[in-house]
Every structure is written in C-alpha cells, then in structure tokens.
C-alpha atoms as a PDB file:
ATOM      1  CA  MET A   1     127.372  92.317 100.762  1.00  0.00           C
ATOM      2  CA  LEU A   2     128.896  89.180 102.306  1.00  0.00           C
ATOM      3  CA  GLN A   3     126.191  89.137 104.959  1.00  0.00           C
ATOM      4  CA  SER A   4     123.494  89.317 102.282  1.00  0.00           C
ATOM      5  CA  LEU A   5     125.013  86.327 100.482  1.00  0.00           C
ATOM      6  CA  MET A   6     125.177  84.395 103.745  1.00  0.00           C
ATOM      7  CA  ASP A   7     121.500  85.148 104.412  1.00  0.00           C
ATOM      8  CA  LEU A   8     120.462  84.071 100.921  1.00  0.00           C
ATOM      9  CA  GLY A   9     120.508  80.350 101.702  1.00  0.00           C
ATOM     10  CA  PRO A  10     118.088  80.505 104.657  1.00  0.00           C
ATOM     11  CA  ARG A  11     115.834  82.927 102.732  1.00  0.00           C
ATOM     12  CA  LEU A  12     115.613  80.541  99.787  1.00  0.00           C
ATOM     13  CA  GLN A  13     114.936  77.634 102.136  1.00  0.00           C
ATOM     14  CA  ARG A  14     112.070  79.505 103.811  1.00  0.00           C
ATOM     15  CA  ALA A  15     110.620  80.527 100.437  1.00  0.00           C
ATOM     16  CA  PHE A  16     110.849  77.190  98.609  1.00  0.00           C
ATOM     17  CA  ILE A  17     111.775  74.252 100.865  1.00  0.00           C
ATOM     18  CA  GLU A  18     110.299  74.853 104.300  1.00  0.00           C
ATOM     19  CA  GLY A  19     106.827  73.348 104.660  1.00  0.00           C
ATOM     20  CA  ASP A  20     107.035  71.888 101.128  1.00  0.00           C
ATOM     21  CA  ARG A  21     106.235  75.321  99.749  1.00  0.00           C
ATOM     22  CA  TRP A  22     107.655  74.341  96.367  1.00  0.00           C
ATOM     23  CA  LYS A  23     104.462  72.339  95.851  1.00  0.00           C
ATOM     24  CA  LEU A  24     102.462  75.563  95.990  1.00  0.00           C
ATOM     25  CA  TYR A  25     104.579  77.007  93.182  1.00  0.00           C
ATOM     26  CA  LEU A  26     103.957  73.893  91.079  1.00  0.00           C
ATOM     27  CA  GLN A  27     100.251  74.141  91.800  1.00  0.00           C
ATOM     28  CA  GLY A  28     100.259  77.783  90.792  1.00  0.00           C
ATOM     29  CA  LEU A  29     102.221  77.046  87.628  1.00  0.00           C
ATOM     30  CA  GLY A  30      99.686  74.374  86.703  1.00  0.00           C
ATOM     31  CA  VAL A  31      96.814  76.844  87.084  1.00  0.00           C
ATOM     32  CA  THR A  32      98.750  79.462  85.112  1.00  0.00           C
ATOM     33  CA  LEU A  33      99.334  77.060  82.209  1.00  0.00           C
ATOM     34  CA  GLN A  34      95.673  75.986  82.287  1.00  0.00           C
ATOM     35  CA  LEU A  35      94.597  79.618  82.197  1.00  0.00           C
ATOM     36  CA  THR A  36      96.873  80.277  79.244  1.00  0.00           C
ATOM     37  CA  VAL A  37      95.899  77.248  77.164  1.00  0.00           C
ATOM     38  CA  VAL A  38      92.145  77.388  77.807  1.00  0.00           C
ATOM     39  CA  ALA A  39      91.981  81.152  77.330  1.00  0.00           C
ATOM     40  CA  LEU A  40      93.976  80.919  74.089  1.00  0.00           C
ATOM     41  CA  ILE A  41      91.743  78.138  72.719  1.00  0.00           C
ATOM     42  CA  PHE A  42      88.677  80.177  73.627  1.00  0.00           C
ATOM     43  CA  GLY A  43      90.292  83.268  72.124  1.00  0.00           C
ATOM     44  CA  VAL A  44      91.210  81.483  68.884  1.00  0.00           C
ATOM     45  CA  LEU A  45      87.674  80.109  68.428  1.00  0.00           C
ATOM     46  CA  LEU A  46      86.105  83.488  69.186  1.00  0.00           C
ATOM     47  CA  GLY A  47      88.678  85.317  67.101  1.00  0.00           C
ATOM     48  CA  LEU A  48      88.172  82.960  64.170  1.00  0.00           C
ATOM     49  CA  VAL A  49      84.430  83.653  64.127  1.00  0.00           C
ATOM     50  CA  VAL A  50      84.973  87.409  64.307  1.00  0.00           C
ATOM     51  CA  ALA A  51      87.693  87.315  61.650  1.00  0.00           C
ATOM     52  CA  VAL A  52      85.590  85.276  59.207  1.00  0.00           C
ATOM     53  CA  ILE A  53      82.626  87.630  59.643  1.00  0.00           C
ATOM     54  CA  ARG A  54      84.745  90.726  59.112  1.00  0.00           C
ATOM     55  CA  THR A  55      86.606  89.207  56.159  1.00  0.00           C
ATOM     56  CA  ALA A  56      83.333  88.132  54.535  1.00  0.00           C
ATOM     57  CA  HIS A  57      81.981  91.661  54.986  1.00  0.00           C
ATOM     58  CA  ASP A  58      85.103  93.204  53.477  1.00  0.00           C
ATOM     59  CA  GLN A  59      85.011  90.839  50.505  1.00  0.00           C
ATOM     60  CA  GLN A  60      81.332  91.395  49.771  1.00  0.00           C
ATOM     61  CA  ARG A  61      82.156  95.012  48.985  1.00  0.00           C
ATOM     62  CA  LEU A  62      83.783  93.723  45.825  1.00  0.00           C
ATOM     63  CA  GLY A  63      80.530  92.126  44.695  1.00  0.00           C
ATOM     64  CA  ARG A  64      77.135  93.504  43.885  1.00  0.00           C
ATOM     65  CA  ARG A  65      75.126  91.568  46.461  1.00  0.00           C
ATOM     66  CA  LYS A  66      74.993  92.997  49.966  1.00  0.00           C
ATOM     67  CA  ASN A  67      73.938  91.045  53.039  1.00  0.00           C
ATOM     68  CA  PRO A  68      72.338  93.368  55.630  1.00  0.00           C
ATOM     69  CA  LEU A  69      72.675  90.766  58.409  1.00  0.00           C
ATOM     70  CA  LEU A  70      76.383  90.434  57.690  1.00  0.00           C
ATOM     71  CA  GLY A  71      76.688  94.205  57.913  1.00  0.00           C
ATOM     72  CA  VAL A  72      75.081  94.266  61.362  1.00  0.00           C
ATOM     73  CA  MET A  73      77.293  91.412  62.571  1.00  0.00           C
ATOM     74  CA  ASN A  74      80.348  93.223  61.241  1.00  0.00           C
ATOM     75  CA  ILE A  75      79.423  96.338  63.241  1.00  0.00           C
ATOM     76  CA  LEU A  76      79.071  94.228  66.400  1.00  0.00           C
ATOM     77  CA  CYS A  77      82.432  92.586  65.749  1.00  0.00           C
ATOM     78  CA  GLN A  78      84.082  95.954  65.197  1.00  0.00           C
ATOM     79  CA  LEU A  79      82.567  97.244  68.436  1.00  0.00           C
ATOM     80  CA  TYR A  80      83.825  94.166  70.305  1.00  0.00           C
ATOM     81  CA  THR A  81      87.409  94.456  69.058  1.00  0.00           C
ATOM     82  CA  THR A  82      87.493  98.228  69.593  1.00  0.00           C
ATOM     83  CA  VAL A  83      86.239  98.059  73.186  1.00  0.00           C
ATOM     84  CA  ILE A  84      88.415  95.109  74.219  1.00  0.00           C
ATOM     85  CA  ARG A  85      91.593  96.384  72.592  1.00  0.00           C
ATOM     86  CA  GLY A  86      90.966  99.919  73.852  1.00  0.00           C
ATOM     87  CA  THR A  87      90.626  99.098  77.558  1.00  0.00           C
ATOM     88  CA  PRO A  88      93.170  97.563  79.988  1.00  0.00           C
ATOM     89  CA  MET A  89      92.868  93.858  80.685  1.00  0.00           C
ATOM     90  CA  LEU A  90      92.927  94.456  84.445  1.00  0.00           C
ATOM     91  CA  VAL A  91      89.905  96.744  84.161  1.00  0.00           C
ATOM     92  CA  GLN A  92      88.122  94.075  82.109  1.00  0.00           C
ATOM     93  CA  LEU A  93      88.858  91.453  84.768  1.00  0.00           C
ATOM     94  CA  PHE A  94      87.438  93.743  87.452  1.00  0.00           C
ATOM     95  CA  ILE A  95      84.297  94.260  85.349  1.00  0.00           C
ATOM     96  CA  TRP A  96      83.869  90.519  84.888  1.00  0.00           C
ATOM     97  CA  THR A  97      84.418  89.958  88.629  1.00  0.00           C
ATOM     98  CA  PHE A  98      82.405  92.753  90.232  1.00  0.00           C
ATOM     99  CA  VAL A  99      79.854  93.722  87.540  1.00  0.00           C
ATOM    100  CA  ILE A 100      79.029  90.792  85.256  1.00  0.00           C
ATOM    101  CA  LEU A 101      79.736  87.794  87.526  1.00  0.00           C
ATOM    102  CA  PRO A 102      79.663  89.157  91.092  1.00  0.00           C
ATOM    103  CA  ALA A 103      78.188  85.940  92.529  1.00  0.00           C
ATOM    104  CA  GLU A 104      80.842  83.645  90.992  1.00  0.00           C
ATOM    105  CA  ARG A 105      83.261  82.433  93.673  1.00  0.00           C
ATOM    106  CA  ASN A 106      85.558  80.552  91.329  1.00  0.00           C
ATOM    107  CA  LYS A 107      87.876  83.395  90.360  1.00  0.00           C
ATOM    108  CA  VAL A 108      89.951  81.146  88.116  1.00  0.00           C
ATOM    109  CA  LEU A 109      86.824  80.546  86.013  1.00  0.00           C
ATOM    110  CA  VAL A 110      86.289  84.301  85.823  1.00  0.00           C
ATOM    111  CA  GLY A 111      89.914  84.559  84.740  1.00  0.00           C
ATOM    112  CA  PHE A 112      89.327  82.004  81.984  1.00  0.00           C
ATOM    113  CA  ILE A 113      86.445  84.064  80.623  1.00  0.00           C
ATOM    114  CA  GLY A 114      88.126  87.439  80.979  1.00  0.00           C
ATOM    115  CA  LEU A 115      91.414  86.342  79.429  1.00  0.00           C
ATOM    116  CA  GLY A 116      89.647  84.430  76.644  1.00  0.00           C
ATOM    117  CA  VAL A 117      87.426  87.339  75.655  1.00  0.00           C
ATOM    118  CA  ASN A 118      90.399  89.687  75.723  1.00  0.00           C
ATOM    119  CA  SER A 119      92.560  87.347  73.680  1.00  0.00           C
ATOM    120  CA  GLY A 120      89.766  86.834  71.146  1.00  0.00           C
ATOM    121  CA  ALA A 121      89.859  90.483  70.105  1.00  0.00           C
ATOM    122  CA  TYR A 122      93.589  90.370  69.369  1.00  0.00           C
ATOM    123  CA  VAL A 123      93.455  86.938  67.736  1.00  0.00           C
ATOM    124  CA  ALA A 124      90.594  88.160  65.523  1.00  0.00           C
ATOM    125  CA  GLU A 125      92.815  90.854  64.044  1.00  0.00           C
ATOM    126  CA  ILE A 126      95.703  88.408  63.679  1.00  0.00           C
ATOM    127  CA  ILE A 127      93.552  85.873  61.825  1.00  0.00           C
ATOM    128  CA  ARG A 128      91.836  88.581  59.784  1.00  0.00           C
ATOM    129  CA  GLY A 129      95.230  89.844  58.628  1.00  0.00           C
ATOM    130  CA  GLY A 130      96.228  86.291  57.703  1.00  0.00           C
ATOM    131  CA  LEU A 131      93.010  85.683  55.768  1.00  0.00           C
ATOM    132  CA  MET A 132      93.376  88.936  53.872  1.00  0.00           C
ATOM    133  CA  SER A 133      96.978  88.017  52.996  1.00  0.00           C
ATOM    134  CA  VAL A 134      95.758  85.015  50.972  1.00  0.00           C
ATOM    135  CA  ASP A 135      95.171  85.967  47.349  1.00  0.00           C
ATOM    136  CA  ILE A 136      91.497  86.543  46.551  1.00  0.00           C
ATOM    137  CA  GLY A 137      91.942  84.217  43.595  1.00  0.00           C
ATOM    138  CA  GLN A 138      92.129  81.298  46.015  1.00  0.00           C
ATOM    139  CA  THR A 139      88.635  82.116  47.300  1.00  0.00           C
ATOM    140  CA  GLU A 140      87.284  82.548  43.769  1.00  0.00           C
ATOM    141  CA  ALA A 141      88.814  79.200  42.749  1.00  0.00           C
ATOM    142  CA  GLY A 142      87.105  77.460  45.647  1.00  0.00           C
ATOM    143  CA  ARG A 143      83.755  79.010  44.823  1.00  0.00           C
ATOM    144  CA  SER A 144      84.130  78.015  41.182  1.00  0.00           C
ATOM    145  CA  LEU A 145      84.564  74.398  42.317  1.00  0.00           C
ATOM    146  CA  GLY A 146      81.150  74.519  43.987  1.00  0.00           C
ATOM    147  CA  LEU A 147      82.293  75.116  47.578  1.00  0.00           C
ATOM    148  CA  ASN A 148      80.309  77.537  49.698  1.00  0.00           C
ATOM    149  CA  TYR A 149      82.026  80.419  51.463  1.00  0.00           C
ATOM    150  CA  PHE A 150      82.673  78.620  54.766  1.00  0.00           C
ATOM    151  CA  ASP A 151      83.978  75.438  53.094  1.00  0.00           C
ATOM    152  CA  THR A 152      86.273  77.584  50.971  1.00  0.00           C
ATOM    153  CA  MET A 153      87.581  79.212  54.117  1.00  0.00           C
ATOM    154  CA  ARG A 154      87.911  75.883  55.923  1.00  0.00           C
ATOM    155  CA  PHE A 155      89.672  73.869  53.229  1.00  0.00           C
ATOM    156  CA  ILE A 156      91.548  76.467  51.170  1.00  0.00           C
ATOM    157  CA  VAL A 157      92.069  79.859  52.793  1.00  0.00           C
ATOM    158  CA  ILE A 158      92.549  79.102  56.503  1.00  0.00           C
ATOM    159  CA  PRO A 159      95.243  76.393  56.011  1.00  0.00           C
ATOM    160  CA  GLN A 160      97.273  78.845  53.923  1.00  0.00           C
ATOM    161  CA  ALA A 161      96.691  81.710  56.339  1.00  0.00           C
ATOM    162  CA  PHE A 162      97.770  79.588  59.319  1.00  0.00           C
ATOM    163  CA  LYS A 163     101.394  79.602  58.216  1.00  0.00           C
ATOM    164  CA  ASN A 164     101.339  83.389  57.963  1.00  0.00           C
ATOM    165  CA  ILE A 165      99.806  83.967  61.388  1.00  0.00           C
ATOM    166  CA  LEU A 166     101.760  81.333  63.350  1.00  0.00           C
ATOM    167  CA  PRO A 167     104.436  83.770  64.626  1.00  0.00           C
ATOM    168  CA  SER A 168     101.775  86.256  65.744  1.00  0.00           C
ATOM    169  CA  LEU A 169      99.776  83.502  67.463  1.00  0.00           C
ATOM    170  CA  GLY A 170     102.927  82.412  69.250  1.00  0.00           C
ATOM    171  CA  ASN A 171     103.488  85.951  70.476  1.00  0.00           C
ATOM    172  CA  GLU A 172      99.865  86.094  71.655  1.00  0.00           C
ATOM    173  CA  PHE A 173     100.400  82.882  73.638  1.00  0.00           C
ATOM    174  CA  ILE A 174     103.470  84.366  75.319  1.00  0.00           C
ATOM    175  CA  THR A 175     101.663  87.615  76.097  1.00  0.00           C
ATOM    176  CA  LEU A 176      98.675  85.723  77.470  1.00  0.00           C
ATOM    177  CA  PHE A 177     100.918  83.501  79.603  1.00  0.00           C
ATOM    178  CA  LYS A 178     102.463  86.556  81.252  1.00  0.00           C
ATOM    179  CA  ASP A 179      99.124  88.356  81.587  1.00  0.00           C
ATOM    180  CA  THR A 180      97.702  85.502  83.657  1.00  0.00           C
ATOM    181  CA  SER A 181      99.463  87.143  86.604  1.00  0.00           C
ATOM    182  CA  LEU A 182      96.697  89.774  86.521  1.00  0.00           C
ATOM    183  CA  VAL A 183      94.202  87.133  87.702  1.00  0.00           C
ATOM    184  CA  GLN A 184      95.849  87.407  91.134  1.00  0.00           C
ATOM    185  CA  ALA A 185      94.248  90.850  91.459  1.00  0.00           C
ATOM    186  CA  ILE A 186      90.759  89.283  91.514  1.00  0.00           C
ATOM    187  CA  GLY A 187      91.731  86.432  93.852  1.00  0.00           C
ATOM    188  CA  GLY A 188      92.667  83.792  91.274  1.00  0.00           C
ATOM    189  CA  MET A 189      95.044  81.258  92.791  1.00  0.00           C
ATOM    190  CA  GLU A 190      97.743  81.146  90.125  1.00  0.00           C
ATOM    191  CA  LEU A 191     101.547  81.443  90.273  1.00  0.00           C
ATOM    192  CA  LEU A 192     101.813  85.058  91.427  1.00  0.00           C
ATOM    193  CA  TYR A 193      99.095  84.494  94.043  1.00  0.00           C
ATOM    194  CA  TYR A 194     101.122  81.776  95.756  1.00  0.00           C
ATOM    195  CA  ALA A 195     104.377  83.743  95.511  1.00  0.00           C
ATOM    196  CA  TYR A 196     102.694  86.764  97.084  1.00  0.00           C
ATOM    197  CA  THR A 197     101.112  84.583  99.778  1.00  0.00           C
ATOM    198  CA  ILE A 198     104.411  82.903 100.672  1.00  0.00           C
ATOM    199  CA  GLY A 199     106.141  86.283 100.739  1.00  0.00           C
ATOM    200  CA  GLY A 200     103.536  87.466 103.240  1.00  0.00           C
ATOM    201  CA  ARG A 201     104.074  84.436 105.458  1.00  0.00           C
ATOM    202  CA  THR A 202     107.870  84.721 105.486  1.00  0.00           C
ATOM    203  CA  PHE A 203     107.897  88.558 105.460  1.00  0.00           C
ATOM    204  CA  ASP A 204     110.360  88.302 102.577  1.00  0.00           C
ATOM    205  CA  TYR A 205     109.012  88.889  99.071  1.00  0.00           C
ATOM    206  CA  MET A 206     112.269  88.907  97.117  1.00  0.00           C
ATOM    207  CA  PRO A 207     112.978  85.127  96.838  1.00  0.00           C
ATOM    208  CA  PRO A 208     109.457  84.060  95.775  1.00  0.00           C
ATOM    209  CA  LEU A 209     109.054  86.926  93.295  1.00  0.00           C
ATOM    210  CA  LEU A 210     112.479  86.350  91.745  1.00  0.00           C
ATOM    211  CA  GLY A 211     111.720  82.631  91.685  1.00  0.00           C
ATOM    212  CA  ILE A 212     108.492  82.966  89.723  1.00  0.00           C
ATOM    213  CA  ALA A 213     110.139  85.520  87.419  1.00  0.00           C
ATOM    214  CA  LEU A 214     112.653  82.797  86.554  1.00  0.00           C
ATOM    215  CA  VAL A 215     109.806  80.319  86.006  1.00  0.00           C
ATOM    216  CA  TYR A 216     108.047  82.703  83.616  1.00  0.00           C
ATOM    217  CA  LEU A 217     111.308  83.253  81.744  1.00  0.00           C
ATOM    218  CA  VAL A 218     112.068  79.532  81.393  1.00  0.00           C
ATOM    219  CA  VAL A 219     108.566  78.715  80.102  1.00  0.00           C
ATOM    220  CA  VAL A 220     108.709  81.564  77.567  1.00  0.00           C
ATOM    221  CA  VAL A 221     112.163  80.476  76.345  1.00  0.00           C
ATOM    222  CA  VAL A 222     111.029  76.848  75.956  1.00  0.00           C
ATOM    223  CA  PHE A 223     107.868  77.840  74.098  1.00  0.00           C
ATOM    224  CA  THR A 224     109.806  80.218  71.825  1.00  0.00           C
ATOM    225  CA  TRP A 225     112.174  77.367  70.992  1.00  0.00           C
ATOM    226  CA  LEU A 226     109.272  75.013  70.183  1.00  0.00           C
ATOM    227  CA  GLN A 227     107.607  77.695  68.069  1.00  0.00           C
ATOM    228  CA  GLY A 228     110.838  78.185  66.106  1.00  0.00           C
ATOM    229  CA  LYS A 229     111.085  74.455  65.410  1.00  0.00           C
ATOM    230  CA  LEU A 230     107.488  74.351  64.165  1.00  0.00           C
ATOM    231  CA  GLU A 231     108.060  77.337  61.891  1.00  0.00           C
ATOM    232  CA  ARG A 232     111.181  75.712  60.419  1.00  0.00           C
ATOM    233  CA  ARG A 233     109.262  72.496  59.722  1.00  0.00           C
ATOM    234  CA  LEU A 234     106.502  74.425  57.983  1.00  0.00           C
ATOM    235  CA  ARG A 235     109.075  76.246  55.843  1.00  0.00           C
ATOM    236  CA  GLU A 236     110.724  72.934  54.943  1.00  0.00           C
ATOM    237  CA  SER A 237     107.350  71.457  53.948  1.00  0.00           C
ATOM    238  CA  ASP A 238     106.762  74.418  51.600  1.00  0.00           C
ATOM    239  CA  ARG A 239     110.041  73.699  49.792  1.00  0.00           C
ATOM    240  CA  ARG A 240     109.107  70.070  49.073  1.00  0.00           C
END
C-alpha cells in the first residue's frame, strides 16, 4: 500500500505534467464541450420541429378539420423518435460513420451529427410533454386574437412550456455531455480519446482515466448548480 502511494506521484507526473500532456486534456475538454453544446442546439431545434408537428396533429383530433399532410409528417416524426430512442447511441454513431458518411474524415463532425440527431428524438418528447402541459385554453385564446398556429406557439405556448421543461432539458444536457465519450469509438478526438492515448503511451491507464472522470464530475456539478440557480430565478419571477 505504501509503495503504491509512493508511486502515485511519478504516475501522475507522467500522465499530466510530462511533455505538457495537460494541454491535451484541455484540448479534449474543449472538443467535448463543443460537441455537447452544438449537438444540444441541433437537438433542440430538431426536437422543437418534431414536437410542434406532433402536438399540432394531436390537437387537430379535437377539431373537425383534418390535414392529411400533417398526418403524414406525424407518422414520419413518430418513426424517427421510435427508431432513435429504440437503438443504442453507439450503434447510431457506427451507422453514421461507416454507412451514411463513410468518406467523411472529420469524425468530430460525424459526432456532431450523430449526437444531435439522437438528442433531437429525446428533446422532441420533452418539448412535446411541455407543450401538452399548457392548458389548451391558452392556444384557443391566441387563435381568437387572430394569431396563426405557429405564432400562438411562439408567443404564448412555448414560453410557458419552457419553464416546465427546463429541468428535463438540463438533464438531457448532462446526459449528452457524458455520452460524448462514445465519439472516441469512431475516432473523434475528444476527452476520452486523449486520456486513452496518453494511457497507451505511458502504459498506465489509471491516472488519465481517473483524471477525466473527475473532470466530467466537476463539469456536471457546476452545470447542475447553474441550472438550479436559473430555476430559482424563474420561480421567483412567477411570484412577482
């Protein structure tokens, strides 16, 4: 035990200090954060479109007029969410890499697309649940004021739904941040890629893997804290 503690210092030095290897971790963390943010933005935009289509289809059942095009789009959206949520993300990344985009050498770009498409399916259900939680009377009030369906969603329903879905969106961000480690499997040069590479050079995987585990934990804790502050501010604004 004492010998292991004595060896810990040199092992940490080889993993983080020697050859300025700490810069590689920072570079990997930067790519990981970019993957998370860009993929989440892409996922939110895609999910918002899917959620609005599915919500509009569900609400038209209450009326007498049926839109056949909306029905077809709803089927496509259902198929998209079912397939994406029903298959592992790693399998999806392999499909994007070796089937859909086999000639693309920028694996980080492939990761952006794969993670974004995957996130969009989950965000769609989150947003759809938030939209459905807003009383239908709000939509009817907007339409009675002369707003079309999309303006009603934009100015009335979505702002109210945002407060309801914020915790779920925060959880999706955290999940997506951790899932970026899967991009290493297709050759994406993110945080886990550099930790695995440094472990191979030093023939010691424990320090770099434990190090990036700590990095993931710290980022998640900081983001959870920021999310909590935002939620408290939104609750305080509702009381005023």
